[in-house]
Protein backbone atom coordinates (compact mmCIF):
# COMPACT_ATOMS: atom_id res chain seq x y z
CA MET A 1 60.53 -3.16 -153.70
CA GLU A 2 60.31 -7.15 -154.45
CA ILE A 3 59.04 -9.23 -151.88
CA TYR A 4 62.90 -11.06 -152.03
CA GLN A 5 64.13 -7.29 -150.88
CA LYS A 6 61.12 -6.93 -148.05
CA ILE A 7 61.88 -10.03 -146.24
CA LYS A 8 66.29 -9.63 -146.45
CA ALA A 9 65.35 -6.21 -144.87
CA LEU A 10 63.74 -7.46 -142.21
CA PHE A 11 65.40 -10.19 -141.41
CA GLY A 12 69.00 -9.41 -142.66
CA LYS A 13 69.82 -12.63 -144.20
CA LYS A 14 71.84 -13.24 -147.10
CA HIS A 15 70.56 -16.55 -148.06
CA LEU A 16 67.13 -16.70 -146.77
CA TYR A 17 66.22 -19.69 -148.98
CA ILE A 18 69.09 -21.49 -149.15
CA TYR A 19 69.62 -25.31 -147.78
CA SER A 20 72.78 -27.48 -147.33
CA VAL A 21 72.32 -30.66 -149.06
CA ASP A 22 72.11 -32.91 -146.15
CA ASP A 23 69.54 -30.17 -144.39
CA TRP A 24 66.46 -31.90 -145.05
CA TYR A 25 68.21 -35.74 -144.40
CA ASP A 26 67.21 -37.42 -141.37
CA LEU A 27 70.52 -39.54 -139.82
CA ALA A 28 68.11 -41.96 -138.09
CA THR A 29 67.95 -43.17 -141.38
CA ASP A 30 70.93 -44.78 -141.71
CA LYS A 31 71.23 -47.16 -139.08
CA PHE A 32 68.12 -48.95 -140.70
CA LEU A 33 69.47 -48.58 -144.23
CA LEU A 34 72.54 -50.40 -142.84
CA GLN A 35 70.85 -53.19 -141.36
CA LEU A 36 68.51 -53.54 -144.78
CA GLN A 37 71.66 -53.75 -146.46
CA GLU A 38 72.92 -56.22 -144.19
CA LYS A 39 69.85 -58.48 -144.89
CA GLU A 40 69.34 -58.06 -148.54
CA LYS A 41 72.70 -57.33 -150.20
CA PHE A 42 71.40 -54.72 -152.79
CA ASP A 43 73.43 -54.50 -156.04
CA THR A 44 71.55 -51.29 -156.65
CA VAL A 45 70.11 -48.07 -154.79
CA ILE A 46 68.15 -45.38 -156.01
CA ALA A 47 67.73 -42.22 -154.03
CA GLU A 48 64.89 -39.64 -155.10
CA TYR A 49 66.24 -36.01 -154.98
CA VAL A 50 69.57 -34.63 -154.22
CA PHE A 51 68.71 -33.73 -150.63
CA LEU A 52 68.49 -37.72 -149.63
CA THR A 53 71.76 -38.77 -151.42
CA LYS A 54 73.38 -38.91 -148.31
CA ALA A 55 71.86 -42.37 -147.86
CA LEU A 56 74.26 -43.62 -150.50
CA GLU A 57 77.06 -43.16 -148.01
CA ASN A 58 75.42 -46.55 -146.54
CA PHE A 59 76.45 -48.59 -149.03
CA SER A 60 79.79 -49.86 -150.49
CA ASP A 61 81.19 -48.92 -153.88
CA ARG A 62 80.15 -52.72 -155.28
CA VAL A 63 76.58 -51.34 -155.16
CA LEU A 64 75.45 -49.11 -158.38
CA LYS A 65 74.35 -45.80 -156.55
CA ILE A 66 71.70 -43.85 -158.53
CA VAL A 67 70.10 -40.52 -158.02
CA ASP A 68 66.78 -39.35 -159.74
CA THR A 69 67.38 -35.80 -159.63
CA HIS A 70 63.69 -34.59 -160.87
CA ASP A 71 64.89 -31.11 -160.58
CA ILE A 72 67.53 -28.58 -160.84
CA PHE A 73 67.84 -26.85 -157.06
CA THR A 74 70.61 -24.68 -157.39
CA ASN A 75 69.52 -21.40 -157.40
CA ARG A 76 65.95 -22.20 -157.90
CA HIS A 77 64.48 -19.82 -155.45
CA LYS A 78 65.70 -17.21 -157.93
CA VAL A 79 63.27 -18.58 -160.61
CA TYR A 80 60.44 -17.72 -157.91
CA LEU A 81 61.77 -14.07 -156.70
CA LYS A 82 62.36 -13.22 -160.62
CA LYS A 83 58.49 -13.42 -160.80
CA ASN A 84 57.80 -11.48 -157.58
CA GLN A 85 56.61 -15.19 -155.47
CA VAL A 86 57.66 -16.19 -152.71
CA PRO A 87 59.97 -19.29 -152.73
CA LYS A 88 58.59 -22.59 -151.52
CA TRP A 89 60.13 -26.00 -151.06
CA TYR A 90 63.83 -26.51 -151.48
CA PHE A 91 66.62 -24.49 -152.90
CA THR A 92 70.43 -25.14 -152.62
CA THR A 93 73.86 -23.94 -153.89
CA GLN A 94 75.56 -25.18 -156.78
CA LYS A 95 78.51 -26.27 -154.97
CA GLU A 96 75.95 -28.15 -152.06
CA GLU A 97 73.81 -29.61 -155.13
CA ALA A 98 77.37 -30.99 -156.68
CA LYS A 99 78.04 -32.46 -153.53
CA GLY A 100 74.83 -34.59 -153.50
CA LEU A 101 75.15 -35.46 -157.08
CA ASN A 102 79.04 -36.53 -156.67
CA ARG A 103 77.50 -39.16 -154.16
CA ALA A 104 75.91 -41.37 -156.96
CA ASP A 105 77.39 -43.11 -159.95
CA VAL A 106 74.51 -42.46 -162.35
CA ILE A 107 72.57 -39.24 -162.54
CA VAL A 108 68.84 -39.20 -163.65
CA ALA A 109 68.14 -36.14 -165.17
CA ILE A 110 64.37 -35.19 -166.10
CA GLN A 111 65.07 -33.52 -169.33
CA PRO A 112 68.12 -32.53 -171.64
CA GLU A 113 69.08 -29.33 -170.22
CA GLU A 114 69.16 -30.49 -167.22
CA ALA A 115 71.14 -33.00 -168.00
CA LYS A 116 73.82 -30.56 -169.45
CA PHE A 117 73.76 -28.60 -166.25
CA PHE A 118 74.63 -31.56 -164.20
CA ARG A 119 77.12 -32.88 -166.53
CA ARG A 120 78.85 -29.50 -166.19
CA LEU A 121 78.50 -29.65 -162.60
CA VAL A 122 80.09 -33.27 -161.36
CA LYS A 123 83.24 -35.05 -161.86
CA LYS A 124 83.48 -36.21 -165.30
CA ILE A 125 83.31 -40.07 -164.34
CA LYS A 126 79.92 -39.85 -163.49
CA THR A 127 77.26 -40.89 -165.98
CA VAL A 128 74.50 -38.65 -166.26
CA ILE A 129 71.26 -40.05 -168.08
CA THR A 130 67.70 -38.08 -169.27
CA VAL A 131 64.86 -40.19 -168.24
CA GLY A 132 61.49 -38.34 -168.69
CA HIS A 133 58.18 -38.93 -167.51
CA LEU A 134 56.65 -41.99 -168.82
CA VAL A 135 52.97 -41.33 -169.81
CA SER A 136 50.05 -43.33 -170.61
CA LEU A 137 48.59 -42.84 -174.02
CA ALA A 138 45.46 -43.23 -175.82
CA PRO A 139 45.33 -42.46 -179.40
CA PRO A 140 42.83 -40.02 -180.96
CA THR A 141 39.59 -40.30 -182.36
CA LEU A 142 39.97 -39.32 -186.16
CA ASN A 143 37.96 -36.74 -188.33
CA LYS A 144 36.80 -35.15 -184.64
CA LYS A 145 35.06 -31.93 -184.30
CA PRO A 146 36.64 -29.90 -181.16
CA GLU A 147 33.87 -28.48 -178.60
CA PRO A 148 34.62 -25.26 -177.33
CA LYS A 149 35.98 -26.61 -173.97
CA LEU A 150 39.65 -25.78 -172.18
CA LEU A 151 40.52 -28.02 -169.81
CA PHE A 152 43.57 -27.09 -167.18
CA ILE A 153 44.73 -30.07 -164.63
CA GLY A 154 47.14 -29.32 -161.66
CA SER A 155 47.78 -28.96 -157.86
CA SER A 156 47.53 -25.77 -155.78
CA ASN A 157 51.47 -25.02 -156.05
CA PRO A 158 52.16 -21.41 -156.20
CA ILE A 159 53.74 -21.78 -160.06
CA ASN A 160 50.46 -23.43 -161.23
CA VAL A 161 47.87 -20.71 -159.24
CA HIS A 162 50.20 -17.97 -160.86
CA GLY A 163 49.62 -18.93 -164.45
CA LEU A 164 46.30 -19.95 -164.16
CA ASN A 165 45.44 -16.39 -162.55
CA TYR A 166 47.37 -14.79 -165.34
CA PHE A 167 45.40 -17.30 -167.98
CA LEU A 168 41.81 -15.91 -166.38
CA LYS A 169 42.74 -12.65 -166.25
CA GLU A 170 44.69 -11.79 -169.27
CA ILE A 171 43.80 -14.81 -171.98
CA PHE A 172 40.27 -16.39 -171.47
CA PRO A 173 38.80 -12.98 -171.95
CA LEU A 174 39.61 -12.47 -174.88
CA ALA A 175 39.23 -15.60 -176.58
CA ARG A 176 35.28 -15.78 -175.01
CA SER A 177 34.99 -12.21 -176.83
CA GLN A 178 35.34 -14.01 -179.73
CA CYS A 179 33.50 -17.13 -178.74
CA PRO A 180 31.31 -16.51 -175.88
CA GLU A 181 30.40 -20.19 -175.68
CA LEU A 182 33.98 -21.24 -174.72
CA GLN A 183 34.30 -23.28 -170.93
CA LEU A 184 37.07 -23.46 -169.11
CA LEU A 185 37.43 -26.90 -167.30
CA ILE A 186 39.68 -26.62 -164.19
CA ALA A 187 40.87 -29.89 -162.18
CA GLY A 188 42.63 -31.15 -159.03
CA GLY A 189 43.59 -29.28 -156.18
CA ILE A 190 44.11 -26.12 -157.72
CA CYS A 191 40.23 -25.41 -157.71
CA ASP A 192 40.78 -24.40 -154.09
CA ALA A 193 43.18 -21.95 -154.92
CA ILE A 194 41.31 -20.14 -157.69
CA ALA A 195 38.32 -17.62 -157.66
CA ASP A 196 35.33 -18.44 -159.41
CA GLN A 197 34.87 -16.58 -162.75
CA GLU A 198 32.24 -16.94 -165.55
CA GLY A 199 32.66 -19.64 -167.92
CA CYS A 200 34.55 -21.74 -165.36
CA THR A 201 33.42 -24.98 -164.16
CA LYS A 202 36.02 -26.50 -160.93
CA LEU A 203 35.70 -30.63 -160.89
CA GLY A 204 38.09 -30.45 -157.84
CA ALA A 205 40.24 -33.51 -156.95
CA VAL A 206 40.16 -36.01 -159.81
CA GLU A 207 40.79 -39.67 -158.94
CA ASN A 208 40.69 -40.95 -163.11
CA LEU A 209 42.95 -38.99 -165.17
CA GLU A 210 41.80 -40.66 -168.26
CA GLU A 211 38.16 -39.75 -167.22
CA ALA A 212 39.33 -35.50 -166.64
CA TYR A 213 41.26 -35.42 -170.09
CA SER A 214 37.46 -36.74 -171.82
CA LEU A 215 36.03 -33.94 -170.73
CA SER A 216 37.77 -31.68 -173.24
CA ASP A 217 39.76 -31.75 -176.42
CA LEU A 218 42.23 -28.48 -175.93
CA VAL A 219 44.23 -28.66 -173.01
CA ILE A 220 46.00 -25.49 -171.20
CA ASN A 221 49.39 -24.96 -169.50
CA PRO A 222 50.00 -21.14 -169.08
CA VAL A 223 52.45 -21.59 -166.40
CA LEU A 224 54.94 -18.74 -166.73
CA PHE A 225 58.17 -20.31 -164.99
CA GLY A 226 59.12 -23.32 -163.08
CA THR A 227 61.73 -26.00 -163.49
CA GLY A 228 62.25 -29.50 -164.21
CA LEU A 229 59.71 -31.12 -166.69
CA LYS A 230 55.90 -30.25 -166.95
CA ILE A 231 54.33 -33.36 -166.15
CA LYS A 232 50.81 -31.73 -167.08
CA SER A 233 52.30 -30.96 -170.54
CA ILE A 234 53.50 -34.20 -171.39
CA GLU A 235 50.25 -35.89 -170.08
CA ALA A 236 48.09 -34.26 -172.05
CA LEU A 237 50.23 -35.04 -175.11
CA GLY A 238 49.99 -38.70 -174.86
CA TYR A 239 46.03 -38.62 -174.05
CA ALA A 240 46.17 -37.23 -177.76
CA LYS A 241 45.15 -34.08 -176.27
CA VAL A 242 45.51 -30.23 -178.30
CA LEU A 243 48.18 -28.59 -175.68
CA ILE A 244 48.50 -24.84 -175.75
CA THR A 245 51.41 -23.90 -173.25
CA THR A 246 54.19 -21.33 -173.27
CA SER A 247 57.67 -21.82 -173.62
CA ALA A 248 58.12 -22.23 -169.61
CA GLY A 249 55.23 -25.16 -170.27
CA ALA A 250 57.36 -26.70 -173.00
CA VAL A 251 60.57 -26.91 -171.49
CA GLY A 252 62.29 -30.17 -172.69
CA LEU A 253 59.76 -31.13 -175.08
CA GLU A 254 61.03 -28.27 -177.49
CA GLU A 255 61.40 -30.61 -180.41
CA GLY A 256 57.54 -30.84 -180.51
CA LYS A 257 56.63 -26.81 -180.44
CA ASN A 258 54.32 -25.97 -183.27
CA THR A 259 54.14 -29.84 -184.34
CA ALA A 260 52.91 -31.73 -182.09
CA PHE A 261 51.60 -29.12 -179.60
CA PHE A 262 51.41 -25.28 -179.55
CA VAL A 263 53.35 -22.67 -178.00
CA ALA A 264 52.18 -18.92 -177.52
CA ASP A 265 53.99 -16.64 -174.85
CA LYS A 266 52.00 -13.82 -175.43
CA SER A 267 48.11 -13.00 -174.35
CA GLN A 268 46.62 -12.57 -177.71
CA GLU A 269 48.85 -15.35 -179.39
CA PHE A 270 47.33 -17.27 -177.16
CA ALA A 271 43.92 -16.49 -176.93
CA GLU A 272 44.57 -16.70 -181.32
CA ARG A 273 45.60 -20.37 -181.02
CA ILE A 274 42.57 -21.33 -178.93
CA LEU A 275 40.15 -19.95 -181.42
CA GLU A 276 41.99 -20.92 -184.55
CA ILE A 277 42.05 -24.85 -183.24
CA LEU A 278 38.21 -24.33 -182.47
CA ASN A 279 37.58 -23.06 -186.40
CA ASN A 280 40.07 -25.51 -187.91
CA SER A 281 39.25 -29.12 -187.65
CA ILE A 282 41.89 -30.48 -190.14
CA LEU A 283 44.56 -28.84 -188.19
CA PHE A 284 42.99 -30.05 -184.58
CA ASN A 285 43.38 -33.34 -185.91
CA GLN A 286 46.62 -33.44 -187.28
CA ILE A 287 48.05 -31.97 -184.18
CA ALA A 288 45.99 -34.59 -181.79
CA GLU A 289 47.52 -37.42 -184.23
CA ASN A 290 51.04 -35.51 -183.37
CA ALA A 291 50.78 -35.25 -179.48
CA TYR A 292 50.02 -38.79 -179.61
CA ASN A 293 52.90 -39.56 -181.59
CA TYR A 294 55.42 -37.57 -180.10
CA ALA A 295 54.41 -39.01 -176.36
CA ALA A 296 54.96 -42.73 -178.16
CA LYS A 297 57.83 -41.91 -178.88
CA LEU A 298 59.18 -39.94 -175.76
CA ASN A 299 58.08 -43.08 -173.84
CA GLN A 300 60.36 -45.51 -176.01
CA ASN A 301 63.30 -43.22 -175.63
CA ASN A 302 62.50 -43.27 -171.76
CA LEU A 303 62.48 -47.05 -171.77
CA LYS A 304 65.74 -47.15 -173.63
CA SER A 305 67.23 -44.85 -171.17
CA LEU A 306 66.26 -46.83 -168.45
CA GLN A 307 67.39 -49.97 -169.77
CA GLN A 308 70.80 -48.45 -170.12
CA ILE A 309 70.91 -48.23 -166.15
CA LEU A 310 69.74 -51.21 -165.60
CA SER A 311 72.21 -52.48 -167.87
CA LYS A 312 74.75 -51.15 -165.90
CA SER A 313 73.26 -52.72 -162.55
CA LEU A 314 73.32 -55.97 -164.16
CA ASN A 315 76.83 -55.99 -165.35
């Protein structure tokens, strides 16, 4: 019996993880916002996440109201349950998410597939715009030979922990059997959630991302589920690193698949990609250059979308 069924059997709840759209909103915020608007006379307001959109009701129709969604929360708990993981953070129903989104004039999605979902969910008069994550850009070093080092940067959230444990159990041993000197550098809060393993070095929390990414030429993102846009994936591309990820880690970046980065969903294929890149400097340098160019293009597209939003505000 999966963990979800066990908990339901124990507590007898049909929707154990579901919140209403306003359950996380503090009504005491309203008084402060009304006073602030009276003083500042804002033309535009932005609510971060759908569960804070009740704040938008404190502003008149003359104010442009924007919700920056970051993620789809409709039935998000099911993504965890399918992998037999305990759902964490915020989850809601389609009806409740639509209620929150319809409070805004402009809905900002973080990737194209989520934008499509929101367009189906809300009233037709709403504007839905995709604005991904803007990343730092660092051009690649040309004609470089990759070192046998991999890098994973991430927090200790369950999706990261699940994915990295999968990599360490199923993929890393395969790659090291052919390349014994291969090392994995692990950075971020996830270091505290992962057991020590031969060939792995934990760097702990990092304050300077550029320095962290400079430690390795190859970056992995082996997450097996999740929603939204995987920031660690696009960050690696911006630093011109050769990224190997899964389909889940490439959501929202599909146009760059196998040209700006590699996607491998099977353990053997993932390991083979690592070894192929380490043994082919020409391929490595080409993908690194493609990664940088792809990230730069994404930045340009995101800035255009932001300008579109600002033009609405000015008008």
